[in-house]
Every structure is written in structure tokens, then in C-alpha cells.
Amino acid sequence: MEFTSSSGYSLGVEIEFQVLDIKDLNLVPFAPLLLEQAPKILRPRLSLEFIKSILEIQTGICDDLRDVENDQRPRHLPGIGH
């Protein structure tokens, strides 16, 4: 996600997910594959980390924690949820 400026104070959240092997719970380098297979509508919010077993999702620019919560709910993402 590209950094954009905002007026006043703002808030953004990044959540990192570690990709684990279902059998032994070891980290596996499948984050690039997950990003490739993610729905197109989500891809602008997803990014890879240096370690290939980590996939990150970011919020947009938010004014407060309520905005963060609303931003992460699927119904607020076009084409996802209800």
C-alpha cells in the first residue's frame, strides 16, 4: 500500500499473519502464493514481508479506533461479505 498524507492526526494498523504448516506448525514460505491467490479486491491491502512466511494486511487511513474496526470488517470491502 502506498503511503499518502492526511490532514491532522490519523491512524493505520498493520496485521501480520504467519503462514504455518498444518501438520507440524512450522513456518512455511507460502505468503507469496497466498498473495497471488488472494481476491483482487484485497490485494491492494496485502503486502509481503522480508520473511516469506509472513503476509501483512493494512487498514486505510483512519481517524480513530472505530474507523479501524469498520475498515477491517468484510462488509466494508466492496465485493466481500454481505
N, C-alpha and C. Protein backbone atom coordinates (compact mmCIF):
# COMPACT_ATOMS: atom_id res chain seq x y z
N MET A 1 0.85 -1.17 0.00
CA MET A 1 0.00 0.00 0.00
C MET A 1 0.90 1.23 0.00
N GLU A 2 0.62 2.16 -0.86
CA GLU A 2 1.43 3.36 -0.97
C GLU A 2 1.08 4.34 0.14
N PHE A 3 2.10 5.00 0.69
CA PHE A 3 1.88 5.98 1.76
C PHE A 3 1.28 7.25 1.16
N THR A 4 0.21 7.73 1.78
CA THR A 4 -0.38 9.01 1.39
C THR A 4 -0.54 9.86 2.64
N SER A 5 -0.40 11.14 2.49
CA SER A 5 -0.52 12.03 3.64
C SER A 5 -1.99 12.31 3.94
N SER A 6 -2.23 12.76 5.16
CA SER A 6 -3.58 13.11 5.57
C SER A 6 -3.51 14.37 6.42
N SER A 7 -4.63 15.04 6.54
CA SER A 7 -4.65 16.25 7.36
C SER A 7 -4.90 15.86 8.81
N GLY A 8 -4.22 16.51 9.72
CA GLY A 8 -4.41 16.22 11.14
C GLY A 8 -3.83 14.86 11.51
N TYR A 9 -4.26 14.36 12.66
CA TYR A 9 -3.78 13.07 13.14
C TYR A 9 -4.60 11.95 12.51
N SER A 10 -3.93 10.86 12.24
CA SER A 10 -4.62 9.71 11.67
C SER A 10 -4.01 8.44 12.25
N LEU A 11 -4.64 7.33 11.93
CA LEU A 11 -4.26 6.05 12.49
C LEU A 11 -4.30 5.01 11.39
N GLY A 12 -3.35 4.12 11.40
CA GLY A 12 -3.34 2.99 10.48
C GLY A 12 -2.85 1.77 11.23
N VAL A 13 -3.33 0.61 10.85
CA VAL A 13 -2.96 -0.63 11.54
C VAL A 13 -2.47 -1.64 10.51
N GLU A 14 -1.40 -2.33 10.87
CA GLU A 14 -0.89 -3.43 10.06
C GLU A 14 -1.00 -4.70 10.90
N ILE A 15 -1.55 -5.74 10.32
CA ILE A 15 -1.66 -7.03 11.00
C ILE A 15 -0.84 -8.03 10.20
N GLU A 16 0.09 -8.68 10.88
CA GLU A 16 0.94 -9.66 10.21
C GLU A 16 0.48 -11.07 10.55
N PHE A 17 0.33 -11.88 9.51
CA PHE A 17 -0.07 -13.27 9.66
C PHE A 17 1.11 -14.16 9.31
N GLN A 18 1.40 -15.12 10.17
CA GLN A 18 2.45 -16.08 9.88
C GLN A 18 1.80 -17.32 9.27
N VAL A 19 2.39 -17.81 8.19
CA VAL A 19 1.85 -18.96 7.48
C VAL A 19 2.52 -20.22 8.04
N LEU A 20 1.67 -21.12 8.55
CA LEU A 20 2.17 -22.33 9.20
C LEU A 20 1.77 -23.59 8.44
N ASP A 21 2.61 -24.59 8.55
CA ASP A 21 2.28 -25.92 8.03
C ASP A 21 1.25 -26.54 8.97
N ILE A 22 0.17 -27.05 8.42
CA ILE A 22 -0.91 -27.59 9.24
C ILE A 22 -0.48 -28.85 10.01
N LYS A 23 0.51 -29.56 9.51
CA LYS A 23 0.93 -30.81 10.15
C LYS A 23 1.81 -30.58 11.38
N ASP A 24 2.80 -29.71 11.25
CA ASP A 24 3.76 -29.56 12.35
C ASP A 24 3.85 -28.13 12.90
N LEU A 25 3.07 -27.22 12.34
CA LEU A 25 3.01 -25.82 12.76
C LEU A 25 4.32 -25.06 12.56
N ASN A 26 5.20 -25.58 11.70
CA ASN A 26 6.40 -24.85 11.34
C ASN A 26 6.04 -23.77 10.32
N LEU A 27 6.80 -22.70 10.31
CA LEU A 27 6.60 -21.65 9.32
C LEU A 27 6.91 -22.19 7.93
N VAL A 28 6.12 -21.78 6.94
CA VAL A 28 6.35 -22.18 5.56
C VAL A 28 6.35 -20.93 4.67
N PRO A 29 7.17 -20.91 3.62
CA PRO A 29 7.33 -19.72 2.79
C PRO A 29 6.24 -19.58 1.71
N PHE A 30 4.98 -19.64 2.11
CA PHE A 30 3.89 -19.61 1.15
C PHE A 30 3.16 -18.28 1.08
N ALA A 31 3.64 -17.25 1.78
CA ALA A 31 2.96 -15.95 1.73
C ALA A 31 2.85 -15.41 0.30
N PRO A 32 3.90 -15.52 -0.53
CA PRO A 32 3.75 -15.04 -1.91
C PRO A 32 2.63 -15.76 -2.68
N LEU A 33 2.49 -17.05 -2.44
CA LEU A 33 1.43 -17.82 -3.09
C LEU A 33 0.05 -17.37 -2.60
N LEU A 34 -0.07 -17.13 -1.31
CA LEU A 34 -1.34 -16.65 -0.76
C LEU A 34 -1.70 -15.27 -1.34
N LEU A 35 -0.71 -14.41 -1.46
CA LEU A 35 -0.95 -13.09 -2.04
C LEU A 35 -1.42 -13.23 -3.48
N GLU A 36 -0.77 -14.09 -4.22
CA GLU A 36 -1.13 -14.32 -5.62
C GLU A 36 -2.55 -14.85 -5.76
N GLN A 37 -3.00 -15.66 -4.80
CA GLN A 37 -4.32 -16.28 -4.88
C GLN A 37 -5.40 -15.49 -4.14
N ALA A 38 -5.02 -14.40 -3.50
CA ALA A 38 -6.00 -13.59 -2.77
C ALA A 38 -6.97 -12.93 -3.74
N PRO A 39 -8.21 -12.68 -3.30
CA PRO A 39 -9.15 -11.96 -4.17
C PRO A 39 -8.56 -10.61 -4.59
N LYS A 40 -8.77 -10.24 -5.82
CA LYS A 40 -8.19 -9.00 -6.35
C LYS A 40 -8.56 -7.78 -5.51
N ILE A 41 -9.75 -7.78 -4.95
CA ILE A 41 -10.20 -6.63 -4.16
C ILE A 41 -9.35 -6.45 -2.89
N LEU A 42 -8.75 -7.52 -2.40
CA LEU A 42 -7.93 -7.44 -1.18
C LEU A 42 -6.46 -7.14 -1.45
N ARG A 43 -5.99 -7.41 -2.64
CA ARG A 43 -4.56 -7.31 -2.93
C ARG A 43 -3.95 -5.95 -2.63
N PRO A 44 -4.64 -4.82 -2.87
CA PRO A 44 -4.02 -3.54 -2.52
C PRO A 44 -3.75 -3.38 -1.02
N ARG A 45 -4.45 -4.14 -0.19
CA ARG A 45 -4.26 -4.05 1.26
C ARG A 45 -3.24 -5.05 1.78
N LEU A 46 -2.80 -5.96 0.95
CA LEU A 46 -1.87 -7.01 1.36
C LEU A 46 -0.46 -6.69 0.91
N SER A 47 0.50 -7.11 1.72
CA SER A 47 1.90 -6.96 1.31
C SER A 47 2.72 -8.08 1.91
N LEU A 48 3.85 -8.32 1.27
CA LEU A 48 4.78 -9.33 1.75
C LEU A 48 5.82 -8.69 2.64
N GLU A 49 6.33 -9.47 3.55
CA GLU A 49 7.43 -9.05 4.40
C GLU A 49 8.71 -9.68 3.87
N PHE A 50 9.83 -9.32 4.45
CA PHE A 50 11.11 -9.89 4.05
C PHE A 50 11.10 -11.41 4.23
N ILE A 51 10.52 -11.86 5.33
CA ILE A 51 10.39 -13.29 5.61
C ILE A 51 9.18 -13.81 4.83
N LYS A 52 9.38 -14.78 3.99
CA LYS A 52 8.34 -15.24 3.06
C LYS A 52 7.24 -16.07 3.71
N SER A 53 7.26 -16.18 5.03
CA SER A 53 6.17 -16.88 5.72
C SER A 53 5.23 -15.87 6.39
N ILE A 54 5.40 -14.59 6.08
CA ILE A 54 4.57 -13.55 6.70
C ILE A 54 3.83 -12.76 5.63
N LEU A 55 2.53 -12.64 5.82
CA LEU A 55 1.67 -11.83 4.95
C LEU A 55 1.04 -10.76 5.83
N GLU A 56 1.02 -9.54 5.33
CA GLU A 56 0.52 -8.41 6.12
C GLU A 56 -0.70 -7.81 5.45
N ILE A 57 -1.66 -7.40 6.26
CA ILE A 57 -2.82 -6.66 5.76
C ILE A 57 -2.85 -5.31 6.47
N GLN A 58 -3.17 -4.26 5.74
CA GLN A 58 -3.18 -2.91 6.30
C GLN A 58 -4.56 -2.28 6.19
N THR A 59 -4.84 -1.41 7.14
CA THR A 59 -6.05 -0.61 7.04
C THR A 59 -5.77 0.57 6.13
N GLY A 60 -6.82 1.28 5.79
CA GLY A 60 -6.65 2.56 5.13
C GLY A 60 -6.33 3.62 6.18
N ILE A 61 -6.41 4.87 5.81
CA ILE A 61 -6.21 5.97 6.77
C ILE A 61 -7.47 6.08 7.61
N CYS A 62 -7.30 6.01 8.93
CA CYS A 62 -8.43 6.03 9.86
C CYS A 62 -8.29 7.20 10.83
N ASP A 63 -9.42 7.72 11.28
CA ASP A 63 -9.42 8.83 12.24
C ASP A 63 -9.35 8.35 13.69
N ASP A 64 -9.87 7.15 13.96
CA ASP A 64 -9.89 6.63 15.33
C ASP A 64 -10.04 5.11 15.29
N LEU A 65 -10.08 4.49 16.47
CA LEU A 65 -10.17 3.03 16.54
C LEU A 65 -11.47 2.49 15.95
N ARG A 66 -12.53 3.23 16.06
CA ARG A 66 -13.79 2.79 15.45
C ARG A 66 -13.64 2.70 13.93
N ASP A 67 -12.95 3.66 13.35
CA ASP A 67 -12.69 3.60 11.91
C ASP A 67 -11.86 2.37 11.55
N VAL A 68 -10.88 2.04 12.40
CA VAL A 68 -10.06 0.84 12.16
C VAL A 68 -10.94 -0.40 12.17
N GLU A 69 -11.80 -0.50 13.17
CA GLU A 69 -12.70 -1.65 13.27
C GLU A 69 -13.59 -1.74 12.03
N ASN A 70 -14.18 -0.64 11.64
CA ASN A 70 -15.05 -0.64 10.47
C ASN A 70 -14.28 -0.95 9.19
N ASP A 71 -13.06 -0.47 9.10
CA ASP A 71 -12.23 -0.69 7.92
C ASP A 71 -11.92 -2.18 7.73
N GLN A 72 -11.79 -2.91 8.81
CA GLN A 72 -11.41 -4.32 8.73
C GLN A 72 -12.59 -5.27 8.59
N ARG A 73 -13.80 -4.77 8.69
CA ARG A 73 -14.97 -5.65 8.54
C ARG A 73 -15.22 -5.93 7.07
N PRO A 74 -15.43 -7.19 6.73
CA PRO A 74 -15.61 -7.55 5.31
C PRO A 74 -16.73 -6.78 4.61
N ARG A 75 -17.77 -6.41 5.30
CA ARG A 75 -18.88 -5.73 4.62
C ARG A 75 -18.48 -4.35 4.10
N HIS A 76 -17.37 -3.82 4.59
CA HIS A 76 -16.90 -2.51 4.14
C HIS A 76 -15.94 -2.62 2.96
N LEU A 77 -15.65 -3.84 2.54
CA LEU A 77 -14.79 -4.04 1.38
C LEU A 77 -15.68 -4.43 0.21
N PRO A 78 -15.73 -3.63 -0.84
CA PRO A 78 -16.59 -3.94 -1.98
C PRO A 78 -16.34 -5.35 -2.51
N GLY A 79 -17.42 -6.08 -2.73
CA GLY A 79 -17.30 -7.41 -3.30
C GLY A 79 -17.01 -8.50 -2.29
N ILE A 80 -16.89 -8.15 -1.00
CA ILE A 80 -16.58 -9.13 0.04
C ILE A 80 -17.66 -9.05 1.12
N GLY A 81 -18.12 -10.17 1.60
CA GLY A 81 -19.08 -10.19 2.70
C GLY A 81 -20.48 -9.82 2.27
N HIS A 82 -21.27 -9.36 3.23
CA HIS A 82 -22.68 -9.05 2.98
C HIS A 82 -22.91 -7.56 2.89
